[in-house]
Amino acid sequence: MKRSGGSLHNLVTMTVFINDARYGDQFVKMRREMFPDGKFPASALITVSNFAQPGSLLKFKAWQFIGE
Protein backbone atom coordinates (compact mmCIF):
# COMPACT_ATOMS: atom_id res chain seq x y z
CA MET A 1 0.00 0.00 0.00
CA LYS A 2 2.79 2.40 0.84
CA ARG A 3 4.39 1.96 -2.59
CA SER A 4 1.15 3.09 -4.23
CA GLY A 5 0.76 6.07 -1.88
CA GLY A 6 -1.79 4.51 0.47
CA SER A 7 -2.09 3.38 4.05
CA LEU A 8 -4.44 1.30 6.16
CA HIS A 9 -6.87 4.23 6.08
CA ASN A 10 -7.33 3.66 2.33
CA LEU A 11 -8.74 0.15 2.84
CA VAL A 12 -12.37 -0.04 1.83
CA THR A 13 -12.90 -3.76 2.35
CA MET A 14 -10.97 -6.76 3.60
CA THR A 15 -11.62 -10.47 3.78
CA VAL A 16 -9.65 -12.50 6.28
CA PHE A 17 -9.54 -16.29 6.20
CA ILE A 18 -8.45 -18.18 9.32
CA ASN A 19 -8.06 -21.92 9.73
CA ASP A 20 -9.32 -22.11 13.31
CA ALA A 21 -12.31 -20.24 14.71
CA ARG A 22 -10.45 -19.84 18.01
CA TYR A 23 -8.27 -17.21 16.29
CA GLY A 24 -11.30 -14.99 15.69
CA ASP A 25 -11.05 -13.08 18.97
CA GLN A 26 -7.33 -12.49 18.41
CA PHE A 27 -8.04 -11.09 14.96
CA VAL A 28 -10.72 -8.72 16.29
CA LYS A 29 -8.26 -7.46 18.92
CA MET A 30 -5.56 -6.99 16.28
CA ARG A 31 -8.00 -5.11 14.03
CA ARG A 32 -8.84 -2.71 16.87
CA GLU A 33 -5.12 -2.04 17.31
CA MET A 34 -4.67 -1.45 13.57
CA PHE A 35 -7.61 1.01 13.46
CA PRO A 36 -7.56 2.77 16.85
CA ASP A 37 -9.94 5.47 15.62
CA GLY A 38 -12.63 2.80 15.15
CA LYS A 39 -13.01 3.53 11.42
CA PHE A 40 -12.87 -0.04 10.19
CA PRO A 41 -13.17 -0.99 6.54
CA ALA A 42 -16.01 -3.31 5.60
CA SER A 43 -14.79 -6.78 6.48
CA ALA A 44 -15.54 -10.45 6.61
CA LEU A 45 -13.86 -13.08 8.77
CA ILE A 46 -14.17 -16.58 7.34
CA THR A 47 -13.05 -19.86 8.86
CA VAL A 48 -11.75 -22.47 6.42
CA SER A 49 -10.63 -26.03 7.00
CA ASN A 50 -7.26 -25.82 5.19
CA PHE A 51 -5.07 -23.64 3.02
CA ALA A 52 -3.20 -24.74 -0.09
CA GLN A 53 0.11 -23.92 1.59
CA PRO A 54 0.65 -26.15 4.66
CA GLY A 55 1.36 -24.26 7.87
CA SER A 56 -0.59 -21.14 6.89
CA LEU A 57 -2.80 -19.81 9.65
CA LEU A 58 -4.28 -16.77 7.94
CA LYS A 59 -4.87 -15.34 4.46
CA PHE A 60 -5.80 -11.73 3.89
CA LYS A 61 -7.39 -10.06 0.87
CA ALA A 62 -7.97 -6.31 0.81
CA TRP A 63 -9.11 -3.58 -1.53
CA GLN A 64 -7.97 -0.01 -1.17
CA PHE A 65 -9.03 3.22 -2.81
CA ILE A 66 -6.49 5.95 -3.47
CA GLY A 67 -7.67 9.03 -5.28
CA GLU A 68 -10.30 11.68 -5.23
PDB file of N, CA and C in Angstrom:
ATOM      1  N   MET A   1       0.812  -1.185   0.000  1.00  0.00           N
ATOM      2  CA  MET A   1       0.000   0.000   0.000  1.00  0.00           C
ATOM      3  C   MET A   1       0.858   1.252   0.000  1.00  0.00           C
ATOM      4  N   LYS A   2       1.933   1.217   0.768  1.00  0.00           N
ATOM      5  CA  LYS A   2       2.790   2.402   0.842  1.00  0.00           C
ATOM      6  C   LYS A   2       3.385   2.740  -0.515  1.00  0.00           C
ATOM      7  N   ARG A   3       3.791   1.708  -1.283  1.00  0.00           N
ATOM      8  CA  ARG A   3       4.392   1.959  -2.592  1.00  0.00           C
ATOM      9  C   ARG A   3       3.428   2.663  -3.540  1.00  0.00           C
ATOM     10  N   SER A   4       2.135   2.447  -3.352  1.00  0.00           N
ATOM     11  CA  SER A   4       1.153   3.090  -4.225  1.00  0.00           C
ATOM     12  C   SER A   4       0.591   4.377  -3.614  1.00  0.00           C
ATOM     13  N   GLY A   5       1.171   4.811  -2.494  1.00  0.00           N
ATOM     14  CA  GLY A   5       0.758   6.068  -1.884  1.00  0.00           C
ATOM     15  C   GLY A   5      -0.381   5.932  -0.883  1.00  0.00           C
ATOM     16  N   GLY A   6      -0.675   4.727  -0.460  1.00  0.00           N
ATOM     17  CA  GLY A   6      -1.785   4.509   0.465  1.00  0.00           C
ATOM     18  C   GLY A   6      -1.338   4.087   1.848  1.00  0.00           C
ATOM     19  N   SER A   7      -2.317   3.856   2.689  1.00  0.00           N
ATOM     20  CA  SER A   7      -2.093   3.376   4.054  1.00  0.00           C
ATOM     21  C   SER A   7      -3.302   2.541   4.454  1.00  0.00           C
ATOM     22  N   LEU A   8      -3.302   2.085   5.673  1.00  0.00           N
ATOM     23  CA  LEU A   8      -4.442   1.302   6.159  1.00  0.00           C
ATOM     24  C   LEU A   8      -5.746   2.086   6.062  1.00  0.00           C
ATOM     25  N   HIS A   9      -5.660   3.401   6.128  1.00  0.00           N
ATOM     26  CA  HIS A   9      -6.866   4.226   6.076  1.00  0.00           C
ATOM     27  C   HIS A   9      -7.501   4.253   4.683  1.00  0.00           C
ATOM     28  N   ASN A  10      -6.788   3.741   3.684  1.00  0.00           N
ATOM     29  CA  ASN A  10      -7.333   3.662   2.328  1.00  0.00           C
ATOM     30  C   ASN A  10      -8.063   2.348   2.069  1.00  0.00           C
ATOM     31  N   LEU A  11      -8.023   1.415   3.027  1.00  0.00           N
ATOM     32  CA  LEU A  11      -8.735   0.152   2.842  1.00  0.00           C
ATOM     33  C   LEU A  11     -10.235   0.399   2.837  1.00  0.00           C
ATOM     34  N   VAL A  12     -10.919  -0.158   1.864  1.00  0.00           N
ATOM     35  CA  VAL A  12     -12.374  -0.042   1.830  1.00  0.00           C
ATOM     36  C   VAL A  12     -13.042  -1.356   2.190  1.00  0.00           C
ATOM     37  N   THR A  13     -12.353  -2.462   1.956  1.00  0.00           N
ATOM     38  CA  THR A  13     -12.895  -3.757   2.350  1.00  0.00           C
ATOM     39  C   THR A  13     -11.763  -4.747   2.524  1.00  0.00           C
ATOM     40  N   MET A  14     -11.953  -5.706   3.416  1.00  0.00           N
ATOM     41  CA  MET A  14     -10.972  -6.765   3.601  1.00  0.00           C
ATOM     42  C   MET A  14     -11.685  -8.057   3.952  1.00  0.00           C
ATOM     43  N   THR A  15     -11.114  -9.131   3.463  1.00  0.00           N
ATOM     44  CA  THR A  15     -11.618 -10.468   3.779  1.00  0.00           C
ATOM     45  C   THR A  15     -10.462 -11.233   4.397  1.00  0.00           C
ATOM     46  N   VAL A  16     -10.685 -11.768   5.570  1.00  0.00           N
ATOM     47  CA  VAL A  16      -9.646 -12.504   6.281  1.00  0.00           C
ATOM     48  C   VAL A  16     -10.124 -13.934   6.448  1.00  0.00           C
ATOM     49  N   PHE A  17      -9.259 -14.861   6.069  1.00  0.00           N
ATOM     50  CA  PHE A  17      -9.544 -16.288   6.197  1.00  0.00           C
ATOM     51  C   PHE A  17      -8.641 -16.852   7.286  1.00  0.00           C
ATOM     52  N   ILE A  18      -9.222 -17.539   8.264  1.00  0.00           N
ATOM     53  CA  ILE A  18      -8.447 -18.176   9.324  1.00  0.00           C
ATOM     54  C   ILE A  18      -8.767 -19.673   9.301  1.00  0.00           C
ATOM     55  N   ASN A  19      -7.829 -20.479   9.782  1.00  0.00           N
ATOM     56  CA  ASN A  19      -8.058 -21.923   9.727  1.00  0.00           C
ATOM     57  C   ASN A  19      -8.561 -22.504  11.049  1.00  0.00           C
ATOM     58  N   ASP A  20      -8.808 -21.641  12.025  1.00  0.00           N
ATOM     59  CA  ASP A  20      -9.316 -22.111  13.314  1.00  0.00           C
ATOM     60  C   ASP A  20     -10.160 -20.983  13.916  1.00  0.00           C
ATOM     61  N   ALA A  21     -11.404 -21.263  14.189  1.00  0.00           N
ATOM     62  CA  ALA A  21     -12.312 -20.239  14.711  1.00  0.00           C
ATOM     63  C   ALA A  21     -11.823 -19.643  16.029  1.00  0.00           C
ATOM     64  N   ARG A  22     -10.976 -20.368  16.739  1.00  0.00           N
ATOM     65  CA  ARG A  22     -10.453 -19.844  18.009  1.00  0.00           C
ATOM     66  C   ARG A  22      -9.569 -18.624  17.806  1.00  0.00           C
ATOM     67  N   TYR A  23      -9.087 -18.384  16.573  1.00  0.00           N
ATOM     68  CA  TYR A  23      -8.266 -17.205  16.290  1.00  0.00           C
ATOM     69  C   TYR A  23      -9.116 -15.963  16.049  1.00  0.00           C
ATOM     70  N   GLY A  24     -10.413 -16.103  15.991  1.00  0.00           N
ATOM     71  CA  GLY A  24     -11.298 -14.985  15.691  1.00  0.00           C
ATOM     72  C   GLY A  24     -11.168 -13.837  16.672  1.00  0.00           C
ATOM     73  N   ASP A  25     -11.167 -14.140  17.966  1.00  0.00           N
ATOM     74  CA  ASP A  25     -11.050 -13.080  18.973  1.00  0.00           C
ATOM     75  C   ASP A  25      -9.712 -12.358  18.869  1.00  0.00           C
ATOM     76  N   GLN A  26      -8.649 -13.113  18.578  1.00  0.00           N
ATOM     77  CA  GLN A  26      -7.330 -12.489  18.412  1.00  0.00           C
ATOM     78  C   GLN A  26      -7.325 -11.549  17.207  1.00  0.00           C
ATOM     79  N   PHE A  27      -7.987 -11.956  16.133  1.00  0.00           N
ATOM     80  CA  PHE A  27      -8.044 -11.094  14.965  1.00  0.00           C
ATOM     81  C   PHE A  27      -8.807  -9.805  15.272  1.00  0.00           C
ATOM     82  N   VAL A  28      -9.925  -9.904  15.950  1.00  0.00           N
ATOM     83  CA  VAL A  28     -10.719  -8.717  16.285  1.00  0.00           C
ATOM     84  C   VAL A  28      -9.888  -7.761  17.141  1.00  0.00           C
ATOM     85  N   LYS A  29      -9.137  -8.295  18.082  1.00  0.00           N
ATOM     86  CA  LYS A  29      -8.261  -7.464  18.922  1.00  0.00           C
ATOM     87  C   LYS A  29      -7.196  -6.788  18.063  1.00  0.00           C
ATOM     88  N   MET A  30      -6.588  -7.537  17.152  1.00  0.00           N
ATOM     89  CA  MET A  30      -5.561  -6.987  16.281  1.00  0.00           C
ATOM     90  C   MET A  30      -6.143  -5.891  15.385  1.00  0.00           C
ATOM     91  N   ARG A  31      -7.357  -6.110  14.887  1.00  0.00           N
ATOM     92  CA  ARG A  31      -7.997  -5.105  14.025  1.00  0.00           C
ATOM     93  C   ARG A  31      -8.242  -3.808  14.795  1.00  0.00           C
ATOM     94  N   ARG A  32      -8.651  -3.915  16.049  1.00  0.00           N
ATOM     95  CA  ARG A  32      -8.841  -2.713  16.871  1.00  0.00           C
ATOM     96  C   ARG A  32      -7.533  -1.945  17.039  1.00  0.00           C
ATOM     97  N   GLU A  33      -6.430  -2.680  17.177  1.00  0.00           N
ATOM     98  CA  GLU A  33      -5.121  -2.042  17.314  1.00  0.00           C
ATOM     99  C   GLU A  33      -4.695  -1.380  15.999  1.00  0.00           C
ATOM    100  N   MET A  34      -5.029  -1.985  14.869  1.00  0.00           N
ATOM    101  CA  MET A  34      -4.666  -1.445  13.567  1.00  0.00           C
ATOM    102  C   MET A  34      -5.488  -0.200  13.222  1.00  0.00           C
ATOM    103  N   PHE A  35      -6.710  -0.112  13.734  1.00  0.00           N
ATOM    104  CA  PHE A  35      -7.615   1.005  13.457  1.00  0.00           C
ATOM    105  C   PHE A  35      -8.098   1.602  14.777  1.00  0.00           C
ATOM    106  N   PRO A  36      -7.189   2.261  15.512  1.00  0.00           N
ATOM    107  CA  PRO A  36      -7.556   2.766  16.850  1.00  0.00           C
ATOM    108  C   PRO A  36      -8.655   3.818  16.839  1.00  0.00           C
ATOM    109  N   ASP A  37      -8.880   4.465  15.689  1.00  0.00           N
ATOM    110  CA  ASP A  37      -9.938   5.469  15.620  1.00  0.00           C
ATOM    111  C   ASP A  37     -11.317   4.839  15.444  1.00  0.00           C
ATOM    112  N   GLY A  38     -11.351   3.502  15.294  1.00  0.00           N
ATOM    113  CA  GLY A  38     -12.626   2.803  15.155  1.00  0.00           C
ATOM    114  C   GLY A  38     -13.220   2.860  13.760  1.00  0.00           C
ATOM    115  N   LYS A  39     -12.518   3.447  12.806  1.00  0.00           N
ATOM    116  CA  LYS A  39     -13.014   3.530  11.420  1.00  0.00           C
ATOM    117  C   LYS A  39     -12.519   2.312  10.648  1.00  0.00           C
ATOM    118  N   PHE A  40     -13.234   1.221  10.818  1.00  0.00           N
ATOM    119  CA  PHE A  40     -12.869  -0.042  10.195  1.00  0.00           C
ATOM    120  C   PHE A  40     -13.375  -0.096   8.756  1.00  0.00           C
ATOM    121  N   PRO A  41     -12.625  -0.733   7.869  1.00  0.00           N
ATOM    122  CA  PRO A  41     -13.174  -0.989   6.537  1.00  0.00           C
ATOM    123  C   PRO A  41     -14.235  -2.082   6.643  1.00  0.00           C
ATOM    124  N   ALA A  42     -15.077  -2.188   5.635  1.00  0.00           N
ATOM    125  CA  ALA A  42     -16.008  -3.312   5.602  1.00  0.00           C
ATOM    126  C   ALA A  42     -15.168  -4.576   5.647  1.00  0.00           C
ATOM    127  N   SER A  43     -15.636  -5.589   6.361  1.00  0.00           N
ATOM    128  CA  SER A  43     -14.795  -6.775   6.477  1.00  0.00           C
ATOM    129  C   SER A  43     -15.618  -8.032   6.690  1.00  0.00           C
ATOM    130  N   ALA A  44     -14.967  -9.136   6.361  1.00  0.00           N
ATOM    131  CA  ALA A  44     -15.543 -10.454   6.606  1.00  0.00           C
ATOM    132  C   ALA A  44     -14.442 -11.325   7.187  1.00  0.00           C
ATOM    133  N   LEU A  45     -14.774 -12.126   8.167  1.00  0.00           N
ATOM    134  CA  LEU A  45     -13.858 -13.083   8.774  1.00  0.00           C
ATOM    135  C   LEU A  45     -14.424 -14.467   8.509  1.00  0.00           C
ATOM    136  N   ILE A  46     -13.681 -15.278   7.779  1.00  0.00           N
ATOM    137  CA  ILE A  46     -14.173 -16.578   7.335  1.00  0.00           C
ATOM    138  C   ILE A  46     -13.246 -17.677   7.842  1.00  0.00           C
ATOM    139  N   THR A  47     -13.828 -18.709   8.413  1.00  0.00           N
ATOM    140  CA  THR A  47     -13.052 -19.862   8.859  1.00  0.00           C
ATOM    141  C   THR A  47     -13.080 -20.929   7.773  1.00  0.00           C
ATOM    142  N   VAL A  48     -11.887 -21.425   7.437  1.00  0.00           N
ATOM    143  CA  VAL A  48     -11.747 -22.471   6.417  1.00  0.00           C
ATOM    144  C   VAL A  48     -11.088 -23.686   7.057  1.00  0.00           C
ATOM    145  N   SER A  49     -11.213 -24.823   6.414  1.00  0.00           N
ATOM    146  CA  SER A  49     -10.627 -26.034   6.996  1.00  0.00           C
ATOM    147  C   SER A  49      -9.132 -26.154   6.720  1.00  0.00           C
ATOM    148  N   ASN A  50      -8.672 -25.723   5.558  1.00  0.00           N
ATOM    149  CA  ASN A  50      -7.257 -25.819   5.195  1.00  0.00           C
ATOM    150  C   ASN A  50      -6.899 -24.765   4.168  1.00  0.00           C
ATOM    151  N   PHE A  51      -5.606 -24.500   4.057  1.00  0.00           N
ATOM    152  CA  PHE A  51      -5.069 -23.639   3.016  1.00  0.00           C
ATOM    153  C   PHE A  51      -4.219 -24.484   2.080  1.00  0.00           C
ATOM    154  N   ALA A  52      -4.009 -24.007   0.873  1.00  0.00           N
ATOM    155  CA  ALA A  52      -3.198 -24.740  -0.095  1.00  0.00           C
ATOM    156  C   ALA A  52      -1.749 -24.876   0.375  1.00  0.00           C
ATOM    157  N   GLN A  53      -1.263 -23.881   1.089  1.00  0.00           N
ATOM    158  CA  GLN A  53       0.114 -23.916   1.593  1.00  0.00           C
ATOM    159  C   GLN A  53       0.100 -24.403   3.040  1.00  0.00           C
ATOM    160  N   PRO A  54       0.640 -25.612   3.299  1.00  0.00           N
ATOM    161  CA  PRO A  54       0.647 -26.150   4.665  1.00  0.00           C
ATOM    162  C   PRO A  54       1.336 -25.198   5.643  1.00  0.00           C
ATOM    163  N   GLY A  55       0.791 -25.113   6.832  1.00  0.00           N
ATOM    164  CA  GLY A  55       1.357 -24.257   7.866  1.00  0.00           C
ATOM    165  C   GLY A  55       0.784 -22.855   7.905  1.00  0.00           C
ATOM    166  N   SER A  56       0.032 -22.468   6.890  1.00  0.00           N
ATOM    167  CA  SER A  56      -0.585 -21.140   6.885  1.00  0.00           C
ATOM    168  C   SER A  56      -1.695 -21.088   7.924  1.00  0.00           C
ATOM    169  N   LEU A  57      -1.761 -19.998   8.642  1.00  0.00           N
ATOM    170  CA  LEU A  57      -2.800 -19.809   9.652  1.00  0.00           C
ATOM    171  C   LEU A  57      -3.828 -18.776   9.218  1.00  0.00           C
ATOM    172  N   LEU A  58      -3.431 -17.893   8.300  1.00  0.00           N
ATOM    173  CA  LEU A  58      -4.278 -16.771   7.939  1.00  0.00           C
ATOM    174  C   LEU A  58      -3.974 -16.352   6.499  1.00  0.00           C
ATOM    175  N   LYS A  59      -5.009 -15.956   5.790  1.00  0.00           N
ATOM    176  CA  LYS A  59      -4.875 -15.343   4.464  1.00  0.00           C
ATOM    177  C   LYS A  59      -5.690 -14.066   4.496  1.00  0.00           C
ATOM    178  N   PHE A  60      -5.204 -13.053   3.808  1.00  0.00           N
ATOM    179  CA  PHE A  60      -5.796 -11.731   3.888  1.00  0.00           C
ATOM    180  C   PHE A  60      -5.949 -11.177   2.477  1.00  0.00           C
ATOM    181  N   LYS A  61      -7.136 -10.704   2.150  1.00  0.00           N
ATOM    182  CA  LYS A  61      -7.385 -10.064   0.866  1.00  0.00           C
ATOM    183  C   LYS A  61      -8.014  -8.703   1.151  1.00  0.00           C
ATOM    184  N   ALA A  62      -7.467  -7.664   0.517  1.00  0.00           N
ATOM    185  CA  ALA A  62      -7.973  -6.314   0.806  1.00  0.00           C
ATOM    186  C   ALA A  62      -8.043  -5.488  -0.461  1.00  0.00           C
ATOM    187  N   TRP A  63      -8.969  -4.553  -0.463  1.00  0.00           N
ATOM    188  CA  TRP A  63      -9.106  -3.576  -1.533  1.00  0.00           C
ATOM    189  C   TRP A  63      -8.915  -2.203  -0.929  1.00  0.00           C
ATOM    190  N   GLN A  64      -8.163  -1.376  -1.634  1.00  0.00           N
ATOM    191  CA  GLN A  64      -7.973  -0.013  -1.171  1.00  0.00           C
ATOM    192  C   GLN A  64      -8.373   0.970  -2.256  1.00  0.00           C
ATOM    193  N   PHE A  65      -8.705   2.159  -1.853  1.00  0.00           N
ATOM    194  CA  PHE A  65      -9.033   3.219  -2.813  1.00  0.00           C
ATOM    195  C   PHE A  65      -8.103   4.383  -2.534  1.00  0.00           C
ATOM    196  N   ILE A  66      -7.358   4.787  -3.561  1.00  0.00           N
ATOM    197  CA  ILE A  66      -6.486   5.947  -3.465  1.00  0.00           C
ATOM    198  C   ILE A  66      -6.884   6.895  -4.591  1.00  0.00           C
ATOM    199  N   GLY A  67      -7.263   8.071  -4.254  1.00  0.00           N
ATOM    200  CA  GLY A  67      -7.672   9.032  -5.277  1.00  0.00           C
ATOM    201  C   GLY A  67      -8.663  10.013  -4.717  1.00  0.00           C
ATOM    202  N   GLU A  68      -9.325  10.664  -5.638  1.00  0.00           N
ATOM    203  CA  GLU A  68     -10.297  11.682  -5.230  1.00  0.00           C
ATOM    204  C   GLU A  68     -11.695  11.175  -5.337  1.00  0.00           C
TER     205      GLU A  68
END
